[in-house]
Amino acid sequence: MEQQTNIKIDQLSFSLRSKLLHNPPMSESCCIFRVPSTLRKHNEQLFKPNFISIGPYHRDLHKFQFSEKVKRWYLHCLITRLPSPDTTLQNFVRSIEDDVERCLNCYEDEVKMTRDAFAEMLIIDGCFIIELFRRFVCIVQKDDDPLFKMPWVRKVLVTDLLLLENQLPWFVLNRLFELSDTYDSEGRSLNQLAENFFHHSALRPGWIRVNSGLQNKHLLDLQRNIILLKSNESVDGGILPIPCVTELLLAGIDFAVGETDDLMKITFKNGVLTIPPVKVLDNAESLLRNLIAYEQCDKNLENRITAYAAFLDNLINSKEDLEYLHQKKIITYYLSSEDVSAFFDGLYNEVHVERSLYTEVSKDINAYCRSHWPRWRIRLTRDYFNNPWSIISLIGAIMILVLTFLQTLYAILYH
């Protein structure tokens, strides 16, 4: 009996041992993640592609049949434009095959494809993106392109190509770009072509000249790098809650629009909160929430975008808060104020930020709100200086008070 028990223990031990993982379940080079369920539950559609699938996570869905045909046609157009199509295709395959393992390590989930099918997907998807960017700036002729004949498609493509789960490793795109070199009179890099394509959809209203040497992990990471390009604020402490716009106005705080080239540069000085302008278009919520998800998943990133979103989430609690910032030209939007205020509401839900860019700014705002003079000043302005008749009445009351005092003083001195 004891011998049988020992055998059973040995068998179970061996079975358990064989199931153990020798390596960490996620590679250090992992940069393309599945969005956690806690973040996607707000609106799952913000993290799913609608028109085109890039990479392995959303492949083989029926709704992508047309876009899959376009991808293959784009690859055909790309290689036949070059002097030796067959050699070009062989160079693509050879280059990607050498790095299949490195590409697999970029994805958080196990890729359930054969190595050959995975390499083929990287080439087709990567060449589609490169060809799309070239066609957009007219490096390549696009008169017969169905994507450019349907104006609505570009808006959907912009959104789909900036989803965290819909990415290719940047080094794959860059390598295919170099191997398919096409004459460009302006000599634009892949960074610059991507910036041209995504510029009008970005949160920032200003144009930024992108350095061709900018190091990226994928297209979404490129957008993050561009947004943070001029951000040099130190990450100094945790998130501190602040009152909303309406309450800050009652505390005597004024608002001003800041510079356009640094979205992160929020400052507070002498009772004035200065915020750079932000542009909210159709894809803004998708972009911002995917950037937040990316920062929450990648331990190597500082949570700068997330801290920015948390700051705005604190400021905007109502439609009135949003409309005031719109009036001050801090937030520009082309949707209904209800939709935009709903977008800002809850941006910070279910996320964690250990360190923020705005700890000192938040401390200064809260200290200012606790002081007495600003509240008295705003109450005086609201109650007595809000229209000319109030001012005249106040001046009249002061004059009567002064005259009464002088009359009383004169009477005392006379007697």
Protein backbone atom coordinates (compact mmCIF):
# COMPACT_ATOMS: atom_id res chain seq x y z
CA MET A 1 0.00 0.00 0.00
CA GLU A 2 2.77 2.40 0.94
CA GLN A 3 4.68 1.46 -2.22
CA GLN A 4 1.64 2.28 -4.39
CA THR A 5 1.27 5.62 -2.64
CA ASN A 6 4.93 6.44 -3.29
CA ILE A 7 4.55 5.54 -6.98
CA LYS A 8 1.49 7.75 -7.28
CA ILE A 9 3.34 10.64 -5.61
CA ASP A 10 6.28 10.18 -8.00
CA GLN A 11 3.97 10.17 -11.02
CA LEU A 12 2.10 13.29 -9.90
CA SER A 13 5.37 15.02 -9.07
CA PHE A 14 6.80 14.17 -12.50
CA SER A 15 3.59 15.34 -14.21
CA LEU A 16 3.64 18.62 -12.30
CA ARG A 17 7.34 19.13 -13.01
CA SER A 18 6.77 18.70 -16.76
CA LYS A 19 4.17 21.50 -16.74
CA LEU A 20 6.41 24.10 -15.12
CA LEU A 21 7.68 27.01 -17.22
CA HIS A 22 11.45 27.43 -17.45
CA ASN A 23 11.22 31.03 -18.69
CA PRO A 24 9.07 34.01 -17.65
CA PRO A 25 5.65 33.94 -19.35
CA MET A 26 6.34 37.38 -20.88
CA SER A 27 9.50 38.40 -22.69
CA GLU A 28 11.41 41.54 -21.63
CA SER A 29 10.97 42.79 -25.20
CA CYS A 30 7.17 42.42 -25.08
CA CYS A 31 5.48 45.66 -26.23
CA ILE A 32 2.20 44.60 -27.92
CA PHE A 33 -0.31 43.68 -25.25
CA ARG A 34 -3.85 42.48 -24.80
CA VAL A 35 -5.87 45.24 -23.15
CA PRO A 36 -6.78 44.10 -19.59
CA SER A 37 -10.48 43.37 -19.03
CA THR A 38 -10.64 46.00 -16.25
CA LEU A 39 -9.79 48.70 -18.81
CA ARG A 40 -11.86 47.41 -21.71
CA LYS A 41 -15.09 47.01 -19.74
CA HIS A 42 -15.82 50.75 -20.06
CA ASN A 43 -16.23 50.34 -23.82
CA GLU A 44 -14.78 47.26 -25.47
CA GLN A 45 -15.23 48.67 -28.98
CA LEU A 46 -12.56 51.30 -28.32
CA PHE A 47 -9.92 48.55 -28.42
CA LYS A 48 -11.14 46.49 -31.40
CA PRO A 49 -10.40 47.18 -35.10
CA ASN A 50 -13.37 47.91 -37.34
CA PHE A 51 -11.91 47.87 -40.84
CA ILE A 52 -8.47 46.29 -40.85
CA SER A 53 -6.58 43.76 -38.74
CA ILE A 54 -2.84 44.25 -38.22
CA GLY A 55 -0.86 41.53 -36.46
CA PRO A 56 -2.11 38.20 -35.08
CA TYR A 57 -4.71 39.19 -32.45
CA HIS A 58 -7.76 39.94 -34.62
CA ARG A 59 -7.12 37.92 -37.76
CA ASP A 60 -9.56 35.76 -39.74
CA LEU A 61 -12.73 37.70 -38.91
CA HIS A 62 -15.23 37.84 -41.77
CA LYS A 63 -15.51 41.66 -41.65
CA PHE A 64 -11.84 41.99 -42.67
CA GLN A 65 -12.14 40.09 -45.98
CA PHE A 66 -12.14 43.22 -48.14
CA SER A 67 -9.21 44.83 -46.34
CA GLU A 68 -7.23 41.56 -46.63
CA LYS A 69 -7.66 41.75 -50.42
CA VAL A 70 -6.47 45.37 -50.40
CA LYS A 71 -3.35 44.35 -48.42
CA ARG A 72 -2.37 41.76 -51.03
CA TRP A 73 -3.00 44.20 -53.86
CA TYR A 74 -0.86 46.83 -52.11
CA LEU A 75 2.02 44.33 -51.81
CA HIS A 76 1.68 43.49 -55.52
CA CYS A 77 1.79 47.22 -56.41
CA LEU A 78 4.83 47.76 -54.19
CA ILE A 79 7.04 44.97 -55.59
CA THR A 80 6.08 45.49 -59.26
CA ARG A 81 7.10 49.14 -58.96
CA LEU A 82 10.67 48.09 -58.11
CA PRO A 83 13.28 46.91 -60.65
CA SER A 84 13.23 43.22 -59.61
CA PRO A 85 9.91 42.14 -57.97
CA ASP A 86 10.95 38.54 -57.26
CA THR A 87 14.26 39.56 -55.71
CA THR A 88 12.53 42.20 -53.60
CA LEU A 89 10.04 39.65 -52.27
CA GLN A 90 12.87 37.21 -51.50
CA ASN A 91 14.69 39.96 -49.61
CA PHE A 92 11.53 40.63 -47.58
CA VAL A 93 11.19 36.96 -46.66
CA ARG A 94 14.87 36.51 -45.85
CA SER A 95 14.94 39.59 -43.63
CA ILE A 96 11.80 38.71 -41.67
CA GLU A 97 12.64 35.00 -41.36
CA ASP A 98 15.88 35.92 -39.62
CA ASP A 99 13.92 37.71 -36.89
CA VAL A 100 10.73 35.64 -36.43
CA GLU A 101 11.62 34.73 -32.84
CA ARG A 102 12.31 38.36 -31.95
CA CYS A 103 8.93 39.33 -33.46
CA LEU A 104 7.10 36.62 -31.53
CA ASN A 105 8.60 37.93 -28.29
CA CYS A 106 7.02 41.33 -28.94
CA TYR A 107 3.52 39.89 -28.38
CA GLU A 108 2.10 39.24 -24.93
CA ASP A 109 -0.22 36.40 -26.02
CA GLU A 110 1.02 33.19 -27.56
CA VAL A 111 0.75 33.52 -31.34
CA LYS A 112 -1.19 30.52 -32.64
CA MET A 113 0.24 30.48 -36.14
CA THR A 114 2.98 28.53 -37.87
CA ARG A 115 6.29 30.37 -38.24
CA ASP A 116 5.81 30.62 -42.02
CA ALA A 117 2.26 31.96 -41.70
CA PHE A 118 3.43 34.46 -39.07
CA ALA A 119 6.31 35.68 -41.28
CA GLU A 120 3.93 36.01 -44.24
CA MET A 121 1.51 38.05 -42.13
CA LEU A 122 4.31 40.41 -41.01
CA ILE A 123 5.33 41.06 -44.62
CA ILE A 124 1.79 41.60 -45.96
CA ASP A 125 0.67 43.81 -43.04
CA GLY A 126 3.94 45.74 -42.88
CA CYS A 127 4.04 46.49 -46.60
CA PHE A 128 0.40 47.58 -46.51
CA ILE A 129 1.19 50.21 -43.83
CA ILE A 130 4.24 51.50 -45.70
CA GLU A 131 2.40 51.68 -49.02
CA LEU A 132 -0.55 53.44 -47.35
CA PHE A 133 1.73 56.14 -45.92
CA ARG A 134 3.45 56.66 -49.28
CA ARG A 135 0.15 56.92 -51.12
CA PHE A 136 -1.17 59.43 -48.60
CA VAL A 137 1.63 61.94 -49.38
CA CYS A 138 1.45 61.12 -53.11
CA ILE A 139 4.90 59.51 -53.35
CA VAL A 140 2.97 56.73 -55.07
CA GLN A 141 0.11 57.24 -57.53
CA LYS A 142 -3.30 56.41 -55.97
CA ASP A 143 -5.94 57.19 -58.63
CA ASP A 144 -7.16 53.59 -58.77
CA ASP A 145 -7.00 53.03 -55.01
CA PRO A 146 -10.39 52.05 -53.50
CA LEU A 147 -9.33 53.25 -50.04
CA PHE A 148 -8.79 56.82 -51.24
CA LYS A 149 -12.07 56.84 -53.17
CA MET A 150 -14.03 56.35 -49.93
CA PRO A 151 -13.43 59.41 -47.69
CA TRP A 152 -14.74 57.68 -44.55
CA VAL A 153 -12.09 54.95 -44.75
CA ARG A 154 -9.12 57.09 -43.71
CA LYS A 155 -10.77 58.10 -40.43
CA VAL A 156 -11.40 54.42 -39.60
CA LEU A 157 -7.88 53.42 -40.68
CA VAL A 158 -6.35 56.07 -38.42
CA THR A 159 -8.27 54.68 -35.45
CA ASP A 160 -7.55 51.02 -36.28
CA LEU A 161 -3.81 51.56 -36.78
CA LEU A 162 -3.46 53.16 -33.33
CA LEU A 163 -5.03 50.34 -31.31
CA LEU A 164 -2.74 48.59 -28.83
CA GLU A 165 -3.83 45.13 -29.95
CA ASN A 166 -3.44 46.02 -33.66
CA GLN A 167 0.31 46.64 -33.94
CA LEU A 168 3.42 45.35 -35.70
CA PRO A 169 6.93 45.72 -34.24
CA TRP A 170 8.47 48.96 -35.49
CA PHE A 171 11.73 47.30 -36.55
CA VAL A 172 9.71 45.16 -39.01
CA LEU A 173 8.13 48.25 -40.58
CA ASN A 174 11.46 50.05 -40.74
CA ARG A 175 13.24 47.11 -42.35
CA LEU A 176 10.55 46.66 -45.02
CA PHE A 177 10.61 50.43 -45.60
CA GLU A 178 14.36 50.36 -46.24
CA LEU A 179 14.15 47.29 -48.49
CA SER A 180 11.37 48.85 -50.60
CA ASP A 181 13.06 52.22 -50.99
CA THR A 182 10.98 54.44 -53.30
CA TYR A 183 12.07 57.83 -54.65
CA ASP A 184 10.81 60.69 -52.48
CA SER A 185 11.85 64.21 -53.49
CA GLU A 186 11.65 65.30 -49.83
CA GLY A 187 13.57 62.31 -48.47
CA ARG A 188 11.05 61.62 -45.70
CA SER A 189 11.76 58.93 -43.13
CA LEU A 190 9.19 56.37 -41.95
CA ASN A 191 8.72 58.47 -38.78
CA GLN A 192 7.85 61.51 -40.87
CA LEU A 193 5.50 59.64 -43.21
CA ALA A 194 3.64 58.21 -40.22
CA GLU A 195 3.39 61.68 -38.63
CA ASN A 196 1.92 63.03 -41.88
CA PHE A 197 -0.73 60.33 -41.91
CA PHE A 198 -1.76 60.63 -38.24
CA HIS A 199 -1.26 64.36 -37.67
CA HIS A 200 -4.85 65.58 -38.07
CA SER A 201 -6.15 62.92 -35.71
CA ALA A 202 -3.79 63.69 -32.85
CA LEU A 203 -4.79 65.28 -29.53
CA ARG A 204 -2.37 68.16 -30.02
CA PRO A 205 -3.35 70.96 -32.43
CA GLY A 206 0.20 72.09 -33.26
CA TRP A 207 2.46 70.66 -35.98
CA ILE A 208 5.65 69.02 -34.75
CA ARG A 209 8.58 68.22 -37.02
CA VAL A 210 9.46 64.64 -36.14
CA ASN A 211 13.08 63.58 -35.85
CA SER A 212 13.84 60.73 -38.25
CA GLY A 213 15.91 59.07 -35.51
CA LEU A 214 13.01 58.80 -33.03
CA GLN A 215 13.11 55.28 -31.52
CA ASN A 216 9.72 53.54 -31.45
CA LYS A 217 8.32 50.13 -30.59
CA HIS A 218 5.26 50.38 -32.89
CA LEU A 219 2.87 53.00 -34.34
CA LEU A 220 1.03 53.64 -31.08
CA ASP A 221 4.37 54.12 -29.33
CA LEU A 222 5.32 56.62 -32.06
CA GLN A 223 2.22 58.68 -31.23
CA ARG A 224 3.13 58.61 -27.55
CA ASN A 225 6.70 59.68 -28.33
CA ILE A 226 5.47 62.58 -30.47
CA ILE A 227 3.06 63.78 -27.77
CA LEU A 228 5.89 63.65 -25.20
CA LEU A 229 8.57 64.98 -27.58
CA LYS A 230 9.01 68.32 -25.77
CA SER A 231 7.89 67.16 -22.35
CA ASN A 232 10.71 67.53 -19.82
CA GLU A 233 8.64 67.86 -16.63
CA SER A 234 9.87 65.62 -13.83
CA VAL A 235 7.68 62.83 -12.48
CA ASP A 236 7.71 63.83 -8.83
CA GLY A 237 4.95 62.15 -6.80
CA GLY A 238 1.55 60.49 -6.74
CA ILE A 239 -1.83 61.62 -8.05
CA LEU A 240 -3.50 64.28 -5.89
CA PRO A 241 -7.20 65.05 -6.47
CA ILE A 242 -8.13 68.66 -7.26
CA PRO A 243 -11.53 70.40 -7.49
CA CYS A 244 -13.36 70.64 -10.82
CA VAL A 245 -13.37 73.77 -13.01
CA THR A 246 -16.58 75.17 -11.47
CA GLU A 247 -15.19 74.90 -7.93
CA LEU A 248 -11.83 76.35 -8.95
CA LEU A 249 -13.57 79.38 -10.44
CA LEU A 250 -15.44 79.91 -7.16
CA ALA A 251 -12.09 79.75 -5.36
CA GLY A 252 -10.81 82.62 -7.52
CA ILE A 253 -8.63 80.61 -9.92
CA ASP A 254 -8.38 81.83 -13.52
CA PHE A 255 -7.67 79.68 -16.59
CA ALA A 256 -5.40 80.43 -19.54
CA VAL A 257 -4.48 78.58 -22.71
CA GLY A 258 -0.85 77.43 -22.90
CA GLU A 259 1.66 76.67 -25.65
CA THR A 260 0.64 74.34 -28.47
CA ASP A 261 3.85 72.32 -28.78
CA ASP A 262 3.86 70.61 -25.35
CA LEU A 263 0.56 68.98 -24.38
CA MET A 264 1.91 67.96 -20.97
CA LYS A 265 3.03 71.43 -19.80
CA ILE A 266 0.33 72.35 -17.26
CA THR A 267 1.39 75.11 -14.83
CA PHE A 268 -0.14 77.07 -11.94
CA LYS A 269 1.19 80.48 -10.96
CA ASN A 270 -0.33 83.52 -9.24
CA GLY A 271 -3.81 82.01 -9.26
CA VAL A 272 -3.75 81.16 -12.99
CA LEU A 273 -3.96 77.56 -14.23
CA THR A 274 -2.39 77.38 -17.69
CA ILE A 275 -3.27 74.36 -19.85
CA PRO A 276 -2.07 73.72 -23.43
CA PRO A 277 -4.85 73.40 -26.03
CA VAL A 278 -6.15 69.91 -26.75
CA LYS A 279 -8.09 68.87 -29.85
CA VAL A 280 -10.86 66.29 -29.38
CA LEU A 281 -11.90 64.63 -32.64
CA ASP A 282 -13.80 61.40 -33.31
CA ASN A 283 -10.89 59.11 -32.50
CA ALA A 284 -9.60 61.02 -29.44
CA GLU A 285 -11.16 58.73 -26.84
CA SER A 286 -9.89 55.60 -28.60
CA LEU A 287 -6.37 57.03 -28.90
CA LEU A 288 -6.21 58.26 -25.30
CA ARG A 289 -7.60 55.06 -23.79
CA ASN A 290 -5.24 52.89 -25.86
CA LEU A 291 -2.28 55.05 -24.78
CA ILE A 292 -3.39 54.65 -21.15
CA ALA A 293 -3.73 50.88 -21.60
CA TYR A 294 -0.25 50.77 -23.16
CA GLU A 295 1.30 52.64 -20.20
CA GLN A 296 -0.55 50.40 -17.74
CA CYS A 297 0.77 47.24 -19.44
CA ASP A 298 4.39 48.18 -20.11
CA LYS A 299 6.41 48.38 -16.87
CA ASN A 300 9.21 50.24 -18.67
CA LEU A 301 7.04 53.31 -19.39
CA GLU A 302 6.38 56.28 -17.12
CA ASN A 303 2.66 56.93 -16.77
CA ARG A 304 2.80 60.43 -18.25
CA ILE A 305 -0.25 60.20 -20.51
CA THR A 306 -2.20 58.49 -17.72
CA ALA A 307 -1.31 61.29 -15.26
CA TYR A 308 -2.45 63.86 -17.84
CA ALA A 309 -5.76 62.01 -18.30
CA ALA A 310 -6.26 61.84 -14.51
CA PHE A 311 -5.70 65.60 -14.23
CA LEU A 312 -8.33 66.31 -16.90
CA ASP A 313 -10.68 63.78 -15.32
CA ASN A 314 -10.49 65.75 -12.05
CA LEU A 315 -11.09 69.08 -13.81
CA ILE A 316 -14.12 68.03 -15.87
CA ASN A 317 -17.07 66.76 -13.86
CA SER A 318 -19.90 68.32 -15.86
CA LYS A 319 -20.92 69.78 -19.20
CA GLU A 320 -20.47 73.26 -17.67
CA ASP A 321 -16.83 72.51 -16.80
CA LEU A 322 -16.17 71.42 -20.39
CA GLU A 323 -17.96 74.40 -21.96
CA TYR A 324 -15.92 76.84 -19.87
CA LEU A 325 -12.64 75.25 -21.05
CA HIS A 326 -13.98 75.36 -24.61
CA GLN A 327 -14.78 79.06 -24.19
CA LYS A 328 -11.18 79.64 -23.01
CA LYS A 329 -9.93 77.78 -26.15
CA ILE A 330 -8.26 75.13 -23.99
CA ILE A 331 -10.39 72.28 -25.36
CA THR A 332 -11.54 72.28 -28.98
CA TYR A 333 -14.17 69.74 -29.96
CA TYR A 334 -16.51 69.04 -32.87
CA LEU A 335 -18.82 66.61 -31.09
CA SER A 336 -21.67 67.36 -28.69
CA SER A 337 -20.60 68.68 -25.28
CA GLU A 338 -22.45 65.75 -23.66
CA ASP A 339 -20.37 63.21 -25.63
CA VAL A 340 -17.09 64.97 -24.89
CA SER A 341 -17.79 65.42 -21.17
CA ALA A 342 -18.74 61.72 -21.01
CA PHE A 343 -15.42 60.93 -22.71
CA PHE A 344 -13.42 62.80 -20.05
CA ASP A 345 -15.51 61.37 -17.23
CA GLY A 346 -13.90 58.23 -15.84
CA LEU A 347 -10.60 58.39 -17.78
CA TYR A 348 -8.79 57.56 -14.54
CA ASN A 349 -11.06 54.66 -13.52
CA GLU A 350 -9.37 51.29 -12.99
CA VAL A 351 -5.84 52.61 -13.61
CA HIS A 352 -2.89 52.99 -11.29
CA VAL A 353 -0.31 55.79 -11.26
CA GLU A 354 2.54 55.71 -8.76
CA ARG A 355 4.17 58.92 -9.94
CA SER A 356 2.69 61.97 -11.66
CA LEU A 357 3.90 65.08 -13.48
CA TYR A 358 1.34 67.21 -11.67
CA THR A 359 1.86 66.53 -7.97
CA GLU A 360 3.33 69.98 -7.23
CA VAL A 361 0.77 71.74 -9.44
CA SER A 362 -2.04 69.94 -7.59
CA LYS A 363 -0.53 70.83 -4.19
CA ASP A 364 -0.34 74.51 -5.17
CA ILE A 365 -3.93 74.51 -6.46
CA ASN A 366 -5.26 72.91 -3.27
CA ALA A 367 -3.28 75.33 -1.09
CA TYR A 368 -4.66 78.28 -3.05
CA CYS A 369 -8.22 76.97 -2.66
CA ARG A 370 -7.74 76.76 1.14
CA SER A 371 -6.68 80.41 1.41
CA HIS A 372 -9.38 83.00 2.32
CA TRP A 373 -8.65 86.04 0.16
CA PRO A 374 -9.37 84.41 -3.23
CA ARG A 375 -12.82 83.30 -2.01
CA TRP A 376 -13.65 86.81 -0.73
CA ARG A 377 -12.39 88.34 -3.97
CA ILE A 378 -14.52 86.09 -6.18
CA ARG A 379 -17.58 86.61 -3.95
CA LEU A 380 -17.08 90.39 -4.09
CA THR A 381 -16.75 90.29 -7.87
CA ARG A 382 -19.78 88.02 -8.26
CA ASP A 383 -22.08 89.94 -5.88
CA TYR A 384 -21.05 93.56 -6.37
CA PHE A 385 -19.09 93.94 -9.61
CA ASN A 386 -20.95 91.69 -12.02
CA ASN A 387 -22.75 94.60 -13.79
CA PRO A 388 -22.52 98.46 -13.95
CA TRP A 389 -25.62 99.05 -11.79
CA SER A 390 -24.17 96.97 -8.95
CA ILE A 391 -20.96 98.99 -9.12
CA ILE A 392 -22.89 102.30 -9.08
CA SER A 393 -24.99 101.11 -6.13
CA LEU A 394 -21.87 100.06 -4.22
CA ILE A 395 -20.13 103.38 -4.89
CA GLY A 396 -23.31 105.26 -3.81
CA ALA A 397 -23.50 103.23 -0.59
CA ILE A 398 -19.83 103.95 0.17
CA MET A 399 -20.30 107.68 -0.46
CA ILE A 400 -23.34 107.81 1.85
CA LEU A 401 -21.36 105.97 4.50
CA VAL A 402 -18.42 108.40 4.17
CA LEU A 403 -20.69 111.48 4.25
CA THR A 404 -22.53 110.15 7.30
CA PHE A 405 -19.22 109.58 9.06
CA LEU A 406 -17.97 113.09 8.20
CA GLN A 407 -21.26 114.63 9.35
CA THR A 408 -21.05 112.78 12.68
CA LEU A 409 -17.40 113.73 13.12
CA TYR A 410 -18.16 117.40 12.37
CA ALA A 411 -21.01 117.42 14.90
CA ILE A 412 -18.77 115.98 17.61
CA LEU A 413 -15.95 118.41 16.93
CA TYR A 414 -18.37 121.40 16.77
CA HIS A 415 -19.83 120.61 20.22
